[in-house]
Amino acid sequence: PAERDTCAAFLDRELALLEHARVFVPLGQFGYQATCRFLGVRPRPKFGHGIEVPVGDGRWIVPSYHVSQQNTFTGTLTEEMFDAVLRRARALAGA
């Protein structure tokens, strides 16, 4: 919570600069929860790798497992899984 609260102002400014962004890819559950909170997603669906969460204004959230060594070394997150999330995010963005 302390890290979240300390970084909140920075995240708020970053999101304000990304006014034209159509898709957000937060890494990990912590990032997903913060993104949902800042974009006003209520109720927040349960975190899951690659789920598609509509923000309600044409924007989307497509979270991924965090790219930590723990997740990559154990196979929780593979390169193929991460690539699939990025491809889907790109498709949702219309790119």
PDB file of N, CA and C in Angstrom:
ATOM      1  N   PRO A   1       0.806  -1.218   0.000  1.00  0.00           N
ATOM      2  CA  PRO A   1       0.000   0.000   0.000  1.00  0.00           C
ATOM      3  C   PRO A   1       0.842   1.272   0.000  1.00  0.00           C
ATOM      4  N   ALA A   2       1.964   1.263   0.724  1.00  0.00           N
ATOM      5  CA  ALA A   2       2.800   2.465   0.761  1.00  0.00           C
ATOM      6  C   ALA A   2       3.377   2.751  -0.627  1.00  0.00           C
ATOM      7  N   GLU A   3       3.839   1.715  -1.309  1.00  0.00           N
ATOM      8  CA  GLU A   3       4.371   1.897  -2.666  1.00  0.00           C
ATOM      9  C   GLU A   3       3.285   2.402  -3.602  1.00  0.00           C
ATOM     10  N   ARG A   4       2.104   1.811  -3.502  1.00  0.00           N
ATOM     11  CA  ARG A   4       0.979   2.235  -4.339  1.00  0.00           C
ATOM     12  C   ARG A   4       0.661   3.703  -4.112  1.00  0.00           C
ATOM     13  N   ASP A   5       0.571   4.092  -2.851  1.00  0.00           N
ATOM     14  CA  ASP A   5       0.216   5.466  -2.527  1.00  0.00           C
ATOM     15  C   ASP A   5       1.312   6.447  -2.934  1.00  0.00           C
ATOM     16  N   THR A   6       2.568   6.047  -2.786  1.00  0.00           N
ATOM     17  CA  THR A   6       3.686   6.903  -3.167  1.00  0.00           C
ATOM     18  C   THR A   6       3.712   7.129  -4.675  1.00  0.00           C
ATOM     19  N   CYS A   7       3.401   6.086  -5.430  1.00  0.00           N
ATOM     20  CA  CYS A   7       3.485   6.159  -6.890  1.00  0.00           C
ATOM     21  C   CYS A   7       2.204   6.663  -7.542  1.00  0.00           C
ATOM     22  N   ALA A   8       1.140   6.821  -6.777  1.00  0.00           N
ATOM     23  CA  ALA A   8      -0.163   7.180  -7.338  1.00  0.00           C
ATOM     24  C   ALA A   8      -0.119   8.466  -8.159  1.00  0.00           C
ATOM     25  N   ALA A   9       0.557   9.471  -7.675  1.00  0.00           N
ATOM     26  CA  ALA A   9       0.609  10.741  -8.408  1.00  0.00           C
ATOM     27  C   ALA A   9       1.318  10.585  -9.743  1.00  0.00           C
ATOM     28  N   PHE A  10       2.355   9.752  -9.778  1.00  0.00           N
ATOM     29  CA  PHE A  10       3.081   9.515 -11.025  1.00  0.00           C
ATOM     30  C   PHE A  10       2.205   8.771 -12.027  1.00  0.00           C
ATOM     31  N   LEU A  11       1.487   7.762 -11.555  1.00  0.00           N
ATOM     32  CA  LEU A  11       0.597   7.007 -12.441  1.00  0.00           C
ATOM     33  C   LEU A  11      -0.510   7.901 -12.970  1.00  0.00           C
ATOM     34  N   ASP A  12      -1.055   8.734 -12.131  1.00  0.00           N
ATOM     35  CA  ASP A  12      -2.111   9.652 -12.545  1.00  0.00           C
ATOM     36  C   ASP A  12      -1.618  10.579 -13.659  1.00  0.00           C
ATOM     37  N   ARG A  13      -0.404  11.111 -13.510  1.00  0.00           N
ATOM     38  CA  ARG A  13       0.153  11.992 -14.541  1.00  0.00           C
ATOM     39  C   ARG A  13       0.428  11.230 -15.834  1.00  0.00           C
ATOM     40  N   GLU A  14       0.938  10.003 -15.707  1.00  0.00           N
ATOM     41  CA  GLU A  14       1.215   9.188 -16.906  1.00  0.00           C
ATOM     42  C   GLU A  14      -0.070   8.911 -17.666  1.00  0.00           C
ATOM     43  N   LEU A  15      -1.110   8.510 -16.962  1.00  0.00           N
ATOM     44  CA  LEU A  15      -2.378   8.203 -17.630  1.00  0.00           C
ATOM     45  C   LEU A  15      -2.976   9.456 -18.271  1.00  0.00           C
ATOM     46  N   ALA A  16      -2.800  10.601 -17.639  1.00  0.00           N
ATOM     47  CA  ALA A  16      -3.302  11.849 -18.225  1.00  0.00           C
ATOM     48  C   ALA A  16      -2.583  12.163 -19.536  1.00  0.00           C
ATOM     49  N   LEU A  17      -1.309  11.817 -19.616  1.00  0.00           N
ATOM     50  CA  LEU A  17      -0.557  12.048 -20.852  1.00  0.00           C
ATOM     51  C   LEU A  17      -0.947  11.064 -21.952  1.00  0.00           C
ATOM     52  N   LEU A  18      -1.539   9.958 -21.573  1.00  0.00           N
ATOM     53  CA  LEU A  18      -1.908   8.920 -22.533  1.00  0.00           C
ATOM     54  C   LEU A  18      -3.384   9.006 -22.904  1.00  0.00           C
ATOM     55  N   GLU A  19      -3.861  10.212 -23.113  1.00  0.00           N
ATOM     56  CA  GLU A  19      -5.286  10.410 -23.363  1.00  0.00           C
ATOM     57  C   GLU A  19      -5.784   9.704 -24.617  1.00  0.00           C
ATOM     58  N   HIS A  20      -4.898   9.399 -25.554  1.00  0.00           N
ATOM     59  CA  HIS A  20      -5.314   8.722 -26.787  1.00  0.00           C
ATOM     60  C   HIS A  20      -5.054   7.221 -26.756  1.00  0.00           C
ATOM     61  N   ALA A  21      -4.498   6.722 -25.658  1.00  0.00           N
ATOM     62  CA  ALA A  21      -4.218   5.287 -25.549  1.00  0.00           C
ATOM     63  C   ALA A  21      -5.535   4.521 -25.527  1.00  0.00           C
ATOM     64  N   ARG A  22      -5.574   3.419 -26.253  1.00  0.00           N
ATOM     65  CA  ARG A  22      -6.787   2.612 -26.341  1.00  0.00           C
ATOM     66  C   ARG A  22      -6.703   1.351 -25.490  1.00  0.00           C
ATOM     67  N   VAL A  23      -5.484   0.881 -25.240  1.00  0.00           N
ATOM     68  CA  VAL A  23      -5.303  -0.378 -24.504  1.00  0.00           C
ATOM     69  C   VAL A  23      -4.158  -0.224 -23.511  1.00  0.00           C
ATOM     70  N   PHE A  24      -4.365  -0.743 -22.316  1.00  0.00           N
ATOM     71  CA  PHE A  24      -3.358  -0.724 -21.271  1.00  0.00           C
ATOM     72  C   PHE A  24      -2.995  -2.160 -20.932  1.00  0.00           C
ATOM     73  N   VAL A  25      -1.693  -2.428 -20.796  1.00  0.00           N
ATOM     74  CA  VAL A  25      -1.200  -3.771 -20.474  1.00  0.00           C
ATOM     75  C   VAL A  25      -0.424  -3.680 -19.157  1.00  0.00           C
ATOM     76  N   PRO A  26      -1.141  -3.724 -18.042  1.00  0.00           N
ATOM     77  CA  PRO A  26      -0.441  -3.706 -16.753  1.00  0.00           C
ATOM     78  C   PRO A  26       0.210  -5.054 -16.478  1.00  0.00           C
ATOM     79  N   LEU A  27       1.344  -5.020 -15.792  1.00  0.00           N
ATOM     80  CA  LEU A  27       2.073  -6.237 -15.471  1.00  0.00           C
ATOM     81  C   LEU A  27       1.803  -6.634 -14.027  1.00  0.00           C
ATOM     82  N   GLY A  28       1.235  -7.805 -13.840  1.00  0.00           N
ATOM     83  CA  GLY A  28       0.965  -8.342 -12.514  1.00  0.00           C
ATOM     84  C   GLY A  28      -0.338  -7.843 -11.929  1.00  0.00           C
ATOM     85  N   GLN A  29      -0.742  -8.527 -10.881  1.00  0.00           N
ATOM     86  CA  GLN A  29      -2.010  -8.202 -10.229  1.00  0.00           C
ATOM     87  C   GLN A  29      -1.986  -6.813  -9.607  1.00  0.00           C
ATOM     88  N   PHE A  30      -0.862  -6.444  -9.019  1.00  0.00           N
ATOM     89  CA  PHE A  30      -0.747  -5.130  -8.393  1.00  0.00           C
ATOM     90  C   PHE A  30      -0.957  -4.022  -9.431  1.00  0.00           C
ATOM     91  N   GLY A  31      -0.276  -4.142 -10.575  1.00  0.00           N
ATOM     92  CA  GLY A  31      -0.425  -3.162 -11.646  1.00  0.00           C
ATOM     93  C   GLY A  31      -1.833  -3.145 -12.214  1.00  0.00           C
ATOM     94  N   TYR A  32      -2.420  -4.333 -12.321  1.00  0.00           N
ATOM     95  CA  TYR A  32      -3.796  -4.446 -12.829  1.00  0.00           C
ATOM     96  C   TYR A  32      -4.772  -3.724 -11.905  1.00  0.00           C
ATOM     97  N   GLN A  33      -4.655  -3.959 -10.608  1.00  0.00           N
ATOM     98  CA  GLN A  33      -5.553  -3.311  -9.657  1.00  0.00           C
ATOM     99  C   GLN A  33      -5.412  -1.794  -9.714  1.00  0.00           C
ATOM    100  N   ALA A  34      -4.184  -1.310  -9.802  1.00  0.00           N
ATOM    101  CA  ALA A  34      -3.958   0.141  -9.869  1.00  0.00           C
ATOM    102  C   ALA A  34      -4.534   0.718 -11.153  1.00  0.00           C
ATOM    103  N   THR A  35      -4.343   0.032 -12.269  1.00  0.00           N
ATOM    104  CA  THR A  35      -4.868   0.520 -13.545  1.00  0.00           C
ATOM    105  C   THR A  35      -6.387   0.587 -13.504  1.00  0.00           C
ATOM    106  N   CYS A  36      -7.018  -0.457 -12.988  1.00  0.00           N
ATOM    107  CA  CYS A  36      -8.476  -0.450 -12.871  1.00  0.00           C
ATOM    108  C   CYS A  36      -8.960   0.703 -11.998  1.00  0.00           C
ATOM    109  N   ARG A  37      -8.273   0.905 -10.894  1.00  0.00           N
ATOM    110  CA  ARG A  37      -8.673   1.984  -9.982  1.00  0.00           C
ATOM    111  C   ARG A  37      -8.579   3.345 -10.663  1.00  0.00           C
ATOM    112  N   PHE A  38      -7.461   3.586 -11.339  1.00  0.00           N
ATOM    113  CA  PHE A  38      -7.262   4.894 -11.961  1.00  0.00           C
ATOM    114  C   PHE A  38      -8.159   5.118 -13.170  1.00  0.00           C
ATOM    115  N   LEU A  39      -8.550   4.042 -13.851  1.00  0.00           N
ATOM    116  CA  LEU A  39      -9.436   4.187 -15.009  1.00  0.00           C
ATOM    117  C   LEU A  39     -10.903   4.065 -14.620  1.00  0.00           C
ATOM    118  N   GLY A  40     -11.179   3.832 -13.347  1.00  0.00           N
ATOM    119  CA  GLY A  40     -12.551   3.801 -12.855  1.00  0.00           C
ATOM    120  C   GLY A  40     -13.324   2.542 -13.179  1.00  0.00           C
ATOM    121  N   VAL A  41     -12.644   1.412 -13.316  1.00  0.00           N
ATOM    122  CA  VAL A  41     -13.326   0.154 -13.615  1.00  0.00           C
ATOM    123  C   VAL A  41     -13.934  -0.389 -12.324  1.00  0.00           C
ATOM    124  N   ARG A  42     -15.247  -0.436 -12.282  1.00  0.00           N
ATOM    125  CA  ARG A  42     -15.992  -0.937 -11.118  1.00  0.00           C
ATOM    126  C   ARG A  42     -17.181  -1.740 -11.626  1.00  0.00           C
ATOM    127  N   PRO A  43     -17.453  -2.915 -11.130  1.00  0.00           N
ATOM    128  CA  PRO A  43     -16.559  -3.690 -10.277  1.00  0.00           C
ATOM    129  C   PRO A  43     -15.371  -4.185 -11.083  1.00  0.00           C
ATOM    130  N   ARG A  44     -14.297  -4.459 -10.396  1.00  0.00           N
ATOM    131  CA  ARG A  44     -13.079  -4.909 -11.052  1.00  0.00           C
ATOM    132  C   ARG A  44     -13.126  -6.431 -11.201  1.00  0.00           C
ATOM    133  N   PRO A  45     -13.057  -6.927 -12.435  1.00  0.00           N
ATOM    134  CA  PRO A  45     -13.005  -8.380 -12.618  1.00  0.00           C
ATOM    135  C   PRO A  45     -11.749  -8.966 -11.983  1.00  0.00           C
ATOM    136  N   LYS A  46     -11.820 -10.222 -11.613  1.00  0.00           N
ATOM    137  CA  LYS A  46     -10.677 -10.911 -11.019  1.00  0.00           C
ATOM    138  C   LYS A  46      -9.518 -10.920 -12.004  1.00  0.00           C
ATOM    139  N   PHE A  47      -8.305 -10.706 -11.498  1.00  0.00           N
ATOM    140  CA  PHE A  47      -7.106 -10.703 -12.331  1.00  0.00           C
ATOM    141  C   PHE A  47      -6.921 -12.057 -12.991  1.00  0.00           C
ATOM    142  N   GLY A  48      -6.500 -11.997 -14.225  1.00  0.00           N
ATOM    143  CA  GLY A  48      -6.119 -13.195 -14.955  1.00  0.00           C
ATOM    144  C   GLY A  48      -5.260 -12.790 -16.131  1.00  0.00           C
ATOM    145  N   HIS A  49      -4.262 -13.579 -16.421  1.00  0.00           N
ATOM    146  CA  HIS A  49      -3.380 -13.282 -17.545  1.00  0.00           C
ATOM    147  C   HIS A  49      -4.192 -13.282 -18.834  1.00  0.00           C
ATOM    148  N   GLY A  50      -4.150 -12.167 -19.548  1.00  0.00           N
ATOM    149  CA  GLY A  50      -4.786 -12.079 -20.852  1.00  0.00           C
ATOM    150  C   GLY A  50      -6.278 -11.831 -20.856  1.00  0.00           C
ATOM    151  N   ILE A  51      -6.882 -11.598 -19.687  1.00  0.00           N
ATOM    152  CA  ILE A  51      -8.307 -11.282 -19.710  1.00  0.00           C
ATOM    153  C   ILE A  51      -8.487  -9.943 -20.415  1.00  0.00           C
ATOM    154  N   GLU A  52      -9.658  -9.701 -20.926  1.00  0.00           N
ATOM    155  CA  GLU A  52      -9.958  -8.442 -21.612  1.00  0.00           C
ATOM    156  C   GLU A  52     -11.025  -7.703 -20.818  1.00  0.00           C
ATOM    157  N   VAL A  53     -10.645  -6.542 -20.316  1.00  0.00           N
ATOM    158  CA  VAL A  53     -11.534  -5.763 -19.460  1.00  0.00           C
ATOM    159  C   VAL A  53     -11.886  -4.463 -20.175  1.00  0.00           C
ATOM    160  N   PRO A  54     -13.140  -4.301 -20.576  1.00  0.00           N
ATOM    161  CA  PRO A  54     -13.529  -3.028 -21.187  1.00  0.00           C
ATOM    162  C   PRO A  54     -13.613  -1.942 -20.120  1.00  0.00           C
ATOM    163  N   VAL A  55     -13.057  -0.787 -20.436  1.00  0.00           N
ATOM    164  CA  VAL A  55     -13.115   0.338 -19.501  1.00  0.00           C
ATOM    165  C   VAL A  55     -14.480   1.007 -19.593  1.00  0.00           C
ATOM    166  N   GLY A  56     -15.127   0.884 -20.751  1.00  0.00           N
ATOM    167  CA  GLY A  56     -16.465   1.441 -20.914  1.00  0.00           C
ATOM    168  C   GLY A  56     -16.505   2.650 -21.820  1.00  0.00           C
ATOM    169  N   ASP A  57     -15.361   3.100 -22.260  1.00  0.00           N
ATOM    170  CA  ASP A  57     -15.300   4.273 -23.134  1.00  0.00           C
ATOM    171  C   ASP A  57     -14.506   3.961 -24.403  1.00  0.00           C
ATOM    172  N   GLY A  58     -14.456   2.682 -24.758  1.00  0.00           N
ATOM    173  CA  GLY A  58     -13.712   2.263 -25.939  1.00  0.00           C
ATOM    174  C   GLY A  58     -12.292   1.832 -25.633  1.00  0.00           C
ATOM    175  N   ARG A  59     -11.862   2.007 -24.385  1.00  0.00           N
ATOM    176  CA  ARG A  59     -10.523   1.575 -23.993  1.00  0.00           C
ATOM    177  C   ARG A  59     -10.605   0.200 -23.333  1.00  0.00           C
ATOM    178  N   TRP A  60      -9.455  -0.479 -23.299  1.00  0.00           N
ATOM    179  CA  TRP A  60      -9.379  -1.825 -22.757  1.00  0.00           C
ATOM    180  C   TRP A  60      -8.186  -1.963 -21.821  1.00  0.00           C
ATOM    181  N   ILE A  61      -8.310  -2.915 -20.904  1.00  0.00           N
ATOM    182  CA  ILE A  61      -7.197  -3.341 -20.070  1.00  0.00           C
ATOM    183  C   ILE A  61      -6.978  -4.819 -20.368  1.00  0.00           C
ATOM    184  N   VAL A  62      -5.735  -5.176 -20.725  1.00  0.00           N
ATOM    185  CA  VAL A  62      -5.377  -6.574 -20.993  1.00  0.00           C
ATOM    186  C   VAL A  62      -4.139  -6.878 -20.153  1.00  0.00           C
ATOM    187  N   PRO A  63      -4.326  -7.386 -18.938  1.00  0.00           N
ATOM    188  CA  PRO A  63      -3.189  -7.603 -18.047  1.00  0.00           C
ATOM    189  C   PRO A  63      -2.377  -8.847 -18.400  1.00  0.00           C
ATOM    190  N   SER A  64      -1.149  -8.831 -17.948  1.00  0.00           N
ATOM    191  CA  SER A  64      -0.249  -9.971 -18.113  1.00  0.00           C
ATOM    192  C   SER A  64       0.354 -10.311 -16.765  1.00  0.00           C
ATOM    193  N   TYR A  65       0.740 -11.573 -16.609  1.00  0.00           N
ATOM    194  CA  TYR A  65       1.566 -11.897 -15.459  1.00  0.00           C
ATOM    195  C   TYR A  65       2.808 -11.009 -15.525  1.00  0.00           C
ATOM    196  N   HIS A  66       3.357 -10.677 -14.382  1.00  0.00           N
ATOM    197  CA  HIS A  66       4.549  -9.840 -14.334  1.00  0.00           C
ATOM    198  C   HIS A  66       5.724 -10.591 -14.955  1.00  0.00           C
ATOM    199  N   VAL A  67       6.601  -9.860 -15.609  1.00  0.00           N
ATOM    200  CA  VAL A  67       7.747 -10.466 -16.300  1.00  0.00           C
ATOM    201  C   VAL A  67       8.941 -10.662 -15.357  1.00  0.00           C
ATOM    202  N   SER A  68       8.657 -11.012 -14.128  1.00  0.00           N
ATOM    203  CA  SER A  68       9.702 -11.239 -13.136  1.00  0.00           C
ATOM    204  C   SER A  68      10.444 -12.539 -13.431  1.00  0.00           C
ATOM    205  N   GLN A  69      11.645 -12.664 -12.867  1.00  0.00           N
ATOM    206  CA  GLN A  69      12.401 -13.904 -13.002  1.00  0.00           C
ATOM    207  C   GLN A  69      11.629 -15.082 -12.429  1.00  0.00           C
ATOM    208  N   GLN A  70      10.947 -14.859 -11.330  1.00  0.00           N
ATOM    209  CA  GLN A  70      10.175 -15.942 -10.728  1.00  0.00           C
ATOM    210  C   GLN A  70       9.137 -16.479 -11.721  1.00  0.00           C
ATOM    211  N   ASN A  71       8.422 -15.598 -12.388  1.00  0.00           N
ATOM    212  CA  ASN A  71       7.393 -16.042 -13.336  1.00  0.00           C
ATOM    213  C   ASN A  71       7.981 -16.620 -14.613  1.00  0.00           C
ATOM    214  N   THR A  72       9.074 -16.039 -15.089  1.00  0.00           N
ATOM    215  CA  THR A  72       9.637 -16.548 -16.346  1.00  0.00           C
ATOM    216  C   THR A  72      10.445 -17.819 -16.140  1.00  0.00           C
ATOM    217  N   PHE A  73      11.187 -17.915 -15.058  1.00  0.00           N
ATOM    218  CA  PHE A  73      11.994 -19.118 -14.812  1.00  0.00           C
ATOM    219  C   PHE A  73      11.132 -20.332 -14.493  1.00  0.00           C
ATOM    220  N   THR A  74       9.964 -20.116 -13.884  1.00  0.00           N
ATOM    221  CA  THR A  74       9.087 -21.230 -13.526  1.00  0.00           C
ATOM    222  C   THR A  74       8.119 -21.601 -14.646  1.00  0.00           C
ATOM    223  N   GLY A  75       8.077 -20.782 -15.698  1.00  0.00           N
ATOM    224  CA  GLY A  75       7.156 -21.065 -16.795  1.00  0.00           C
ATOM    225  C   GLY A  75       5.756 -20.540 -16.568  1.00  0.00           C
ATOM    226  N   THR A  76       5.555 -19.816 -15.465  1.00  0.00           N
ATOM    227  CA  THR A  76       4.251 -19.201 -15.235  1.00  0.00           C
ATOM    228  C   THR A  76       3.930 -18.234 -16.374  1.00  0.00           C
ATOM    229  N   LEU A  77       4.960 -17.556 -16.846  1.00  0.00           N
ATOM    230  CA  LEU A  77       4.835 -16.671 -18.002  1.00  0.00           C
ATOM    231  C   LEU A  77       5.896 -17.069 -19.017  1.00  0.00           C
ATOM    232  N   THR A  78       5.432 -17.456 -20.192  1.00  0.00           N
ATOM    233  CA  THR A  78       6.357 -17.792 -21.270  1.00  0.00           C
ATOM    234  C   THR A  78       6.394 -16.658 -22.280  1.00  0.00           C
ATOM    235  N   GLU A  79       7.397 -16.685 -23.118  1.00  0.00           N
ATOM    236  CA  GLU A  79       7.504 -15.667 -24.171  1.00  0.00           C
ATOM    237  C   GLU A  79       6.273 -15.706 -25.064  1.00  0.00           C
ATOM    238  N   GLU A  80       5.794 -16.892 -25.367  1.00  0.00           N
ATOM    239  CA  GLU A  80       4.611 -17.031 -26.219  1.00  0.00           C
ATOM    240  C   GLU A  80       3.372 -16.429 -25.558  1.00  0.00           C
ATOM    241  N   MET A  81       3.229 -16.635 -24.251  1.00  0.00           N
ATOM    242  CA  MET A  81       2.088 -16.069 -23.524  1.00  0.00           C
ATOM    243  C   MET A  81       2.132 -14.551 -23.543  1.00  0.00           C
ATOM    244  N   PHE A  82       3.316 -13.990 -23.318  1.00  0.00           N
ATOM    245  CA  PHE A  82       3.451 -12.540 -23.299  1.00  0.00           C
ATOM    246  C   PHE A  82       3.210 -11.964 -24.693  1.00  0.00           C
ATOM    247  N   ASP A  83       3.760 -12.618 -25.704  1.00  0.00           N
ATOM    248  CA  ASP A  83       3.537 -12.170 -27.081  1.00  0.00           C
ATOM    249  C   ASP A  83       2.052 -12.185 -27.435  1.00  0.00           C
ATOM    250  N   ALA A  84       1.326 -13.200 -26.969  1.00  0.00           N
ATOM    251  CA  ALA A  84      -0.106 -13.304 -27.263  1.00  0.00           C
ATOM    252  C   ALA A  84      -0.874 -12.128 -26.655  1.00  0.00           C
ATOM    253  N   VAL A  85      -0.513 -11.737 -25.437  1.00  0.00           N
ATOM    254  CA  VAL A  85      -1.164 -10.585 -24.802  1.00  0.00           C
ATOM    255  C   VAL A  85      -0.879  -9.322 -25.604  1.00  0.00           C
ATOM    256  N   LEU A  86       0.356  -9.147 -26.019  1.00  0.00           N
ATOM    257  CA  LEU A  86       0.709  -7.945 -26.794  1.00  0.00           C
ATOM    258  C   LEU A  86       0.020  -7.938 -28.153  1.00  0.00           C
ATOM    259  N   ARG A  87      -0.084  -9.090 -28.791  1.00  0.00           N
ATOM    260  CA  ARG A  87      -0.813  -9.149 -30.074  1.00  0.00           C
ATOM    261  C   ARG A  87      -2.277  -8.790 -29.888  1.00  0.00           C
ATOM    262  N   ARG A  88      -2.880  -9.317 -28.842  1.00  0.00           N
ATOM    263  CA  ARG A  88      -4.297  -9.015 -28.593  1.00  0.00           C
ATOM    264  C   ARG A  88      -4.491  -7.540 -28.260  1.00  0.00           C
ATOM    265  N   ALA A  89      -3.603  -6.980 -27.481  1.00  0.00           N
ATOM    266  CA  ALA A  89      -3.688  -5.554 -27.163  1.00  0.00           C
ATOM    267  C   ALA A  89      -3.583  -4.713 -28.434  1.00  0.00           C
ATOM    268  N   ARG A  90      -2.684  -5.117 -29.297  1.00  0.00           N
ATOM    269  CA  ARG A  90      -2.530  -4.385 -30.558  1.00  0.00           C
ATOM    270  C   ARG A  90      -3.798  -4.478 -31.402  1.00  0.00           C
ATOM    271  N   ALA A  91      -4.399  -5.663 -31.450  1.00  0.00           N
ATOM    272  CA  ALA A  91      -5.645  -5.832 -32.218  1.00  0.00           C
ATOM    273  C   ALA A  91      -6.760  -4.981 -31.640  1.00  0.00           C
ATOM    274  N   LEU A  92      -6.889  -4.964 -30.313  1.00  0.00           N
ATOM    275  CA  LEU A  92      -7.926  -4.138 -29.685  1.00  0.00           C
ATOM    276  C   LEU A  92      -7.697  -2.653 -29.941  1.00  0.00           C
ATOM    277  N   ALA A  93      -6.442  -2.268 -30.068  1.00  0.00           N
ATOM    278  CA  ALA A  93      -6.120  -0.861 -30.333  1.00  0.00           C
ATOM    279  C   ALA A  93      -6.363  -0.486 -31.791  1.00  0.00           C
ATOM    280  N   GLY A  94      -6.619  -1.501 -32.616  1.00  0.00           N
ATOM    281  CA  GLY A  94      -6.879  -1.231 -34.027  1.00  0.00           C
ATOM    282  C   GLY A  94      -5.608  -1.051 -34.828  1.00  0.00           C
ATOM    283  N   ALA A  95      -4.493  -1.530 -34.308  1.00  0.00           N
ATOM    284  CA  ALA A  95      -3.218  -1.370 -35.003  1.00  0.00           C
ATOM    285  C   ALA A  95      -2.896  -2.604 -35.831  1.00  0.00           C
TER     286      ALA A  95
END
